[in-house]
Amino acid sequence: MTGELPPMRASDAERERVAEALREAVAEGRLTMEEFEERLELAYTARTHADLEPLVRDLPVPASMASPVPQPSRAPAGADASWAERIGGSATSRWGLAVMGGFQRAGRWVMPRAFTSVVVMGGGEIDLRDARFEERDVVVRCFALMGGISVIVPPDVEVHVNGVGIMGGFDQAATGDGGPEAPRVTVTGLAIWGAVVVERKRRKADVQREKEARRREKAELKRLRKERAAERELGRTEQRLDASEREPDAPERELDGPRPELGSARPGGGGLARERAEREHVLREERAVEDRHGAGERRAAGGAGGDRPDDAAR
């Protein structure tokens, strides 16, 4: 083991806090819908804090989460408490045997400090994802003859595999460090014409919760898209209404105003336009003559203002 701390695993609660920060950011217009969908997908598939931290690095910390991603120098309080509750108790089974058959240890059972499994032309499964641990350090001994044994451990458990395979396989791909408070599982034994496989898998309940969360997020995205589309349509409608309110008499002006081009556009329309213009000129001249006569009569009446009406008549 090296002196470096292993990458801290992210919990479902931390993923949900980051998702909530992204939802607030897209609601405030800090993220586009495309950026929100991309980051949300990365948040729900993140495995460590290092995967979550870049997703909210350029966003302000919302009021709903005081610390979006805990510092890797300390383990999440929820994870510590969970493992503290799962360590201790009396073992429910200390061995498993399968001869041309199979055995399984899964669900809520207590893993002893040492569990021995033997399969002959058969198979066995040891699932520790929901199990309690009698002690923090446990050993799984696997002996497979022309058979196979599967050991399933949680993702944040420290695992060491040092078994031997003779004309068979002893998988060591799951070897690695875990959380500071998680148990340590050592898998050892012998496989002859058989195989021992050690896998890291998440709990079924966690996978189901993630599926439900993704389903809710998809529904939320669909709702947001509908709201955005409705807002855009409402904005276009308001713009049209504002334009009509600014020029309410535009159609009347178009109808009342002179449109000589309409007459010229029709065959023979030029003659009609000229006749109309000549009539209007004649009318203006007649009104001007009448105005001049009226003005002369008023001046004459004003000049004789000192005489009596009967003198003016004579």
Protein backbone atom coordinates (compact mmCIF):
# COMPACT_ATOMS: atom_id res chain seq x y z
CA MET A 1 0.00 0.00 0.00
CA THR A 2 1.19 3.51 -0.79
CA GLY A 3 1.07 6.51 1.49
CA GLU A 4 -1.40 8.37 -0.73
CA LEU A 5 -5.02 8.57 0.31
CA PRO A 6 -7.41 6.69 -2.00
CA PRO A 7 -9.97 8.75 -3.95
CA MET A 8 -13.01 9.37 -1.77
CA ARG A 9 -16.15 7.65 -3.04
CA ALA A 10 -19.22 9.81 -3.62
CA SER A 11 -22.50 8.97 -1.92
CA ASP A 12 -26.04 9.23 -3.31
CA ALA A 13 -26.73 12.21 -1.04
CA GLU A 14 -23.73 14.09 -2.48
CA ARG A 15 -24.81 13.33 -6.03
CA GLU A 16 -28.30 14.63 -5.24
CA ARG A 17 -26.89 17.86 -3.74
CA VAL A 18 -24.85 18.48 -6.90
CA ALA A 19 -27.94 17.76 -9.02
CA GLU A 20 -29.92 20.29 -6.97
CA ALA A 21 -27.17 22.89 -7.53
CA LEU A 22 -27.37 22.26 -11.27
CA ARG A 23 -31.16 22.61 -11.23
CA GLU A 24 -30.91 25.98 -9.48
CA ALA A 25 -28.23 27.10 -11.96
CA VAL A 26 -30.35 26.30 -15.03
CA ALA A 27 -33.37 27.97 -13.41
CA GLU A 28 -31.31 31.15 -12.90
CA GLY A 29 -30.02 31.07 -16.48
CA ARG A 30 -26.40 30.28 -15.53
CA LEU A 31 -26.47 27.04 -17.54
CA THR A 32 -28.07 26.25 -20.87
CA MET A 33 -30.37 23.26 -21.14
CA GLU A 34 -27.68 21.32 -23.04
CA GLU A 35 -25.06 22.05 -20.35
CA PHE A 36 -27.54 21.09 -17.63
CA GLU A 37 -28.35 17.74 -19.24
CA GLU A 38 -24.66 16.93 -19.79
CA ARG A 39 -23.60 17.80 -16.24
CA LEU A 40 -26.60 16.06 -14.70
CA GLU A 41 -25.71 12.83 -16.49
CA LEU A 42 -22.11 13.11 -15.23
CA ALA A 43 -23.33 13.82 -11.68
CA TYR A 44 -25.43 10.66 -11.47
CA THR A 45 -22.62 8.51 -12.90
CA ALA A 46 -19.84 10.04 -10.77
CA ARG A 47 -17.96 7.61 -8.55
CA THR A 48 -15.68 9.92 -6.56
CA HIS A 49 -15.63 13.46 -5.21
CA ALA A 50 -13.08 14.33 -7.89
CA ASP A 51 -15.74 13.53 -10.50
CA LEU A 52 -18.35 15.74 -8.80
CA GLU A 53 -16.25 18.79 -7.97
CA PRO A 54 -15.71 20.10 -11.57
CA LEU A 55 -19.46 20.03 -12.22
CA VAL A 56 -20.12 22.91 -9.79
CA ARG A 57 -16.72 24.59 -9.78
CA ASP A 58 -17.91 27.56 -11.89
CA LEU A 59 -21.26 27.92 -10.08
CA PRO A 60 -22.10 29.79 -6.86
CA VAL A 61 -22.86 27.66 -3.84
CA PRO A 62 -26.67 27.61 -3.48
CA ALA A 63 -28.39 28.08 -0.16
CA SER A 64 -29.64 24.51 -0.22
CA MET A 65 -26.13 23.08 0.08
CA ALA A 66 -23.50 24.55 2.32
CA SER A 67 -20.78 22.30 0.86
CA PRO A 68 -21.52 20.71 -2.52
CA VAL A 69 -18.62 18.26 -2.36
CA PRO A 70 -16.92 17.28 0.91
CA GLN A 71 -13.15 17.52 1.07
CA PRO A 72 -11.34 14.24 0.33
CA SER A 73 -9.25 14.52 3.50
CA ARG A 74 -12.15 13.20 5.53
CA ALA A 75 -14.77 10.57 4.91
CA PRO A 76 -18.45 11.51 4.60
CA ALA A 77 -20.20 11.42 7.92
CA GLY A 78 -23.00 9.34 6.48
CA ALA A 79 -20.59 6.69 5.19
CA ASP A 80 -18.73 6.47 8.52
CA ALA A 81 -21.95 6.06 10.46
CA SER A 82 -23.18 3.45 8.00
CA TRP A 83 -20.08 1.28 8.32
CA ALA A 84 -19.97 1.77 12.08
CA GLU A 85 -23.49 0.33 12.26
CA ARG A 86 -22.62 -2.60 10.01
CA ILE A 87 -19.58 -3.85 11.92
CA GLY A 88 -20.18 -6.17 14.86
CA GLY A 89 -22.49 -9.07 15.68
CA SER A 90 -22.50 -12.84 15.68
CA ALA A 91 -21.76 -14.68 12.45
CA THR A 92 -24.73 -16.38 10.85
CA SER A 93 -22.69 -18.71 8.62
CA ARG A 94 -19.03 -19.70 8.57
CA TRP A 95 -18.83 -22.04 5.59
CA GLY A 96 -20.48 -23.00 2.31
CA LEU A 97 -20.34 -26.31 0.44
CA ALA A 98 -21.54 -27.26 -3.05
CA VAL A 99 -20.96 -30.69 -4.64
CA MET A 100 -22.47 -30.83 -8.10
CA GLY A 101 -24.79 -28.12 -6.90
CA GLY A 102 -24.62 -24.60 -5.56
CA PHE A 103 -24.82 -22.39 -2.48
CA GLN A 104 -25.45 -18.69 -1.89
CA ARG A 105 -24.86 -16.25 0.94
CA ALA A 106 -26.52 -12.93 0.17
CA GLY A 107 -28.80 -10.30 1.64
CA ARG A 108 -28.69 -9.31 5.31
CA TRP A 109 -26.37 -11.83 6.87
CA VAL A 110 -23.35 -11.51 9.18
CA MET A 111 -20.00 -12.24 7.56
CA PRO A 112 -17.68 -14.00 10.03
CA ARG A 113 -14.04 -13.14 10.53
CA ALA A 114 -13.25 -16.15 8.32
CA PHE A 115 -15.61 -17.82 5.83
CA THR A 116 -14.64 -21.09 4.07
CA SER A 117 -16.27 -22.13 0.79
CA VAL A 118 -15.75 -25.37 -1.13
CA VAL A 119 -17.29 -26.27 -4.50
CA VAL A 120 -16.81 -29.50 -6.47
CA MET A 121 -18.32 -29.44 -9.95
CA GLY A 122 -20.68 -26.79 -8.69
CA GLY A 123 -20.94 -23.10 -7.96
CA GLY A 124 -21.23 -20.68 -5.06
CA GLU A 125 -21.95 -17.00 -4.48
CA ILE A 126 -20.83 -14.88 -1.53
CA ASP A 127 -22.50 -11.46 -1.67
CA LEU A 128 -21.28 -8.93 0.93
CA ARG A 129 -23.09 -5.83 -0.37
CA ASP A 130 -25.86 -5.89 2.27
CA ALA A 131 -24.04 -7.98 4.86
CA ARG A 132 -22.85 -7.03 8.31
CA PHE A 133 -19.28 -7.82 9.33
CA GLU A 134 -18.29 -9.60 12.51
CA GLU A 135 -14.99 -7.72 12.47
CA ARG A 136 -13.40 -5.03 10.38
CA ASP A 137 -10.90 -7.50 8.86
CA VAL A 138 -12.44 -10.61 7.32
CA VAL A 139 -11.08 -13.47 5.21
CA VAL A 140 -12.87 -15.45 2.51
CA ARG A 141 -11.28 -18.85 1.72
CA CYS A 142 -12.32 -20.25 -1.64
CA PHE A 143 -11.55 -23.76 -2.91
CA ALA A 144 -12.97 -24.58 -6.33
CA LEU A 145 -12.49 -27.93 -8.10
CA MET A 146 -14.03 -27.97 -11.57
CA GLY A 147 -16.42 -25.30 -10.35
CA GLY A 148 -16.70 -21.59 -9.71
CA ILE A 149 -17.10 -19.20 -6.79
CA SER A 150 -18.22 -15.56 -7.08
CA VAL A 151 -17.39 -13.03 -4.34
CA ILE A 152 -19.24 -9.71 -4.56
CA VAL A 153 -18.11 -6.77 -2.39
CA PRO A 154 -19.30 -3.15 -2.06
CA PRO A 155 -17.38 -0.52 -4.10
CA ASP A 156 -15.84 1.22 -1.06
CA VAL A 157 -14.42 -1.90 0.66
CA GLU A 158 -10.69 -2.56 0.70
CA VAL A 159 -9.98 -5.82 -1.14
CA HIS A 160 -6.90 -8.04 -1.31
CA VAL A 161 -6.83 -11.15 -3.51
CA ASN A 162 -3.94 -13.62 -3.24
CA GLY A 163 -5.35 -16.99 -4.32
CA VAL A 164 -3.76 -19.48 -6.70
CA GLY A 165 -5.23 -20.92 -9.88
CA ILE A 166 -4.03 -24.23 -11.36
CA MET A 167 -5.43 -24.83 -14.81
CA GLY A 168 -8.03 -22.38 -13.67
CA GLY A 169 -8.38 -18.72 -12.72
CA PHE A 170 -8.22 -16.61 -9.58
CA ASP A 171 -9.35 -13.10 -10.55
CA GLN A 172 -7.46 -10.24 -8.91
CA ALA A 173 -9.03 -7.33 -10.81
CA ALA A 174 -11.00 -6.13 -7.76
CA THR A 175 -7.89 -5.66 -5.62
CA GLY A 176 -7.72 -2.10 -4.33
CA ASP A 177 -8.13 0.34 -1.47
CA GLY A 178 -11.42 1.45 0.05
CA GLY A 179 -12.78 4.03 2.42
CA PRO A 180 -10.96 4.78 5.68
CA GLU A 181 -13.76 3.31 7.81
CA ALA A 182 -14.75 0.46 5.48
CA PRO A 183 -13.89 -3.17 6.24
CA ARG A 184 -11.00 -5.00 4.63
CA VAL A 185 -11.77 -8.23 2.79
CA THR A 186 -9.03 -10.71 1.93
CA VAL A 187 -9.86 -13.43 -0.59
CA THR A 188 -7.55 -16.43 -0.71
CA GLY A 189 -7.66 -20.07 -1.71
CA LEU A 190 -7.13 -22.42 -4.64
CA ALA A 191 -8.87 -23.00 -7.97
CA ILE A 192 -8.18 -26.23 -9.94
CA TRP A 193 -9.92 -26.49 -13.28
CA GLY A 194 -12.21 -23.87 -11.89
CA ALA A 195 -12.45 -20.13 -11.26
CA VAL A 196 -12.81 -17.66 -8.39
CA VAL A 197 -14.12 -14.23 -9.43
CA VAL A 198 -14.12 -11.18 -7.14
CA GLU A 199 -16.30 -8.24 -8.24
CA ARG A 200 -17.11 -4.78 -6.93
CA LYS A 201 -20.79 -3.95 -7.34
CA ARG A 202 -23.14 -1.38 -5.91
CA ARG A 203 -26.03 -2.40 -3.74
CA LYS A 204 -29.27 -3.20 -5.53
CA ALA A 205 -31.10 -0.61 -3.44
CA ASP A 206 -28.61 2.09 -4.50
CA VAL A 207 -28.96 1.13 -8.15
CA GLN A 208 -32.75 1.25 -7.85
CA ARG A 209 -32.61 4.68 -6.17
CA GLU A 210 -30.39 5.96 -8.96
CA LYS A 211 -32.82 4.68 -11.58
CA GLU A 212 -35.69 6.40 -9.79
CA ALA A 213 -33.67 9.61 -9.54
CA ARG A 214 -32.91 9.50 -13.26
CA ARG A 215 -36.55 8.88 -14.03
CA ARG A 216 -37.50 11.92 -11.96
CA GLU A 217 -34.82 14.00 -13.65
CA LYS A 218 -36.08 13.03 -17.10
CA ALA A 219 -39.59 14.05 -16.09
CA GLU A 220 -38.22 17.32 -14.70
CA LEU A 221 -36.31 17.99 -17.93
CA LYS A 222 -39.44 17.36 -19.97
CA ARG A 223 -41.40 19.74 -17.75
CA LEU A 224 -38.70 22.43 -18.05
CA ARG A 225 -38.66 22.10 -21.83
CA LYS A 226 -42.45 22.52 -21.96
CA GLU A 227 -42.26 25.58 -19.72
CA ARG A 228 -39.52 27.13 -21.84
CA ALA A 229 -41.51 26.51 -25.02
CA ALA A 230 -44.61 28.04 -23.44
CA GLU A 231 -42.61 31.08 -22.28
CA ARG A 232 -41.17 31.61 -25.75
CA GLU A 233 -44.63 31.38 -27.34
CA LEU A 234 -46.02 33.80 -24.75
CA GLY A 235 -43.18 36.23 -25.47
CA ARG A 236 -43.87 36.15 -29.20
CA THR A 237 -47.59 36.75 -28.55
CA GLU A 238 -46.82 39.72 -26.28
CA GLN A 239 -44.53 41.23 -28.92
CA ARG A 240 -47.28 41.02 -31.53
CA LEU A 241 -49.76 42.61 -29.13
CA ASP A 242 -47.32 45.42 -28.27
CA ALA A 243 -46.76 46.15 -31.95
CA SER A 244 -50.51 46.36 -32.61
CA GLU A 245 -51.00 48.65 -29.58
CA ARG A 246 -48.27 51.05 -30.74
CA GLU A 247 -49.95 51.52 -34.17
CA PRO A 248 -53.66 50.87 -33.62
CA ASP A 249 -54.85 53.12 -36.55
CA ALA A 250 -52.35 51.90 -39.11
CA PRO A 251 -55.05 50.14 -41.22
CA GLU A 252 -57.31 53.22 -41.17
CA ARG A 253 -54.46 55.49 -42.30
CA GLU A 254 -53.73 53.18 -45.12
CA LEU A 255 -57.39 53.24 -46.20
CA ASP A 256 -57.95 57.01 -45.73
CA GLY A 257 -54.73 58.22 -47.27
CA PRO A 258 -54.49 59.02 -51.03
CA ARG A 259 -53.26 56.07 -53.00
CA PRO A 260 -52.57 57.35 -56.54
CA GLU A 261 -50.51 54.28 -57.20
CA LEU A 262 -53.63 52.11 -57.04
CA GLY A 263 -55.23 54.03 -59.95
CA SER A 264 -52.07 53.92 -62.02
CA ALA A 265 -51.69 50.21 -61.34
CA ARG A 266 -55.00 49.37 -63.11
CA PRO A 267 -55.48 49.61 -66.89
CA GLY A 268 -56.68 53.12 -67.68
CA GLY A 269 -56.14 54.19 -64.10
CA GLY A 270 -53.95 57.16 -65.13
CA GLY A 271 -56.92 58.96 -66.79
CA LEU A 272 -59.09 58.55 -63.71
CA ALA A 273 -56.37 59.94 -61.49
CA ARG A 274 -55.96 63.01 -63.72
CA GLU A 275 -59.73 63.65 -63.80
CA ARG A 276 -59.87 63.39 -60.02
CA ALA A 277 -56.96 65.83 -59.69
CA GLU A 278 -58.61 68.31 -62.13
CA ARG A 279 -61.91 68.19 -60.21
CA GLU A 280 -60.10 68.83 -56.95
CA HIS A 281 -58.27 71.80 -58.60
CA VAL A 282 -61.53 73.27 -59.85
CA LEU A 283 -63.09 72.93 -56.41
CA ARG A 284 -60.13 74.66 -54.80
CA GLU A 285 -60.36 77.53 -57.31
CA GLU A 286 -64.10 77.94 -56.68
CA ARG A 287 -63.56 78.04 -52.92
CA ALA A 288 -60.79 80.62 -53.38
CA VAL A 289 -63.11 82.86 -55.50
CA GLU A 290 -65.88 82.56 -52.91
CA ASP A 291 -63.43 83.42 -50.17
CA ARG A 292 -62.30 86.54 -52.05
CA HIS A 293 -65.89 87.71 -52.63
CA GLY A 294 -66.73 87.15 -48.98
CA ALA A 295 -63.68 89.10 -47.89
CA GLY A 296 -64.59 92.04 -50.18
CA GLU A 297 -68.15 92.22 -48.82
CA ARG A 298 -66.87 92.17 -45.24
CA ARG A 299 -64.46 95.03 -45.99
CA ALA A 300 -67.24 97.05 -47.62
CA ALA A 301 -69.49 96.54 -44.66
CA GLY A 302 -66.70 97.54 -42.32
CA GLY A 303 -66.03 100.80 -44.21
CA ALA A 304 -69.66 101.93 -43.92
CA GLY A 305 -69.88 101.09 -40.27
CA GLY A 306 -70.64 104.74 -39.24
CA ASP A 307 -73.75 105.15 -41.48
CA ARG A 308 -77.24 104.12 -40.53
CA PRO A 309 -78.54 101.01 -42.12
CA ASP A 310 -81.29 102.90 -43.95
CA ASP A 311 -78.72 105.35 -45.39
CA ALA A 312 -76.62 102.50 -46.56
CA ALA A 313 -79.68 100.98 -48.19
CA ARG A 314 -80.47 104.30 -50.02
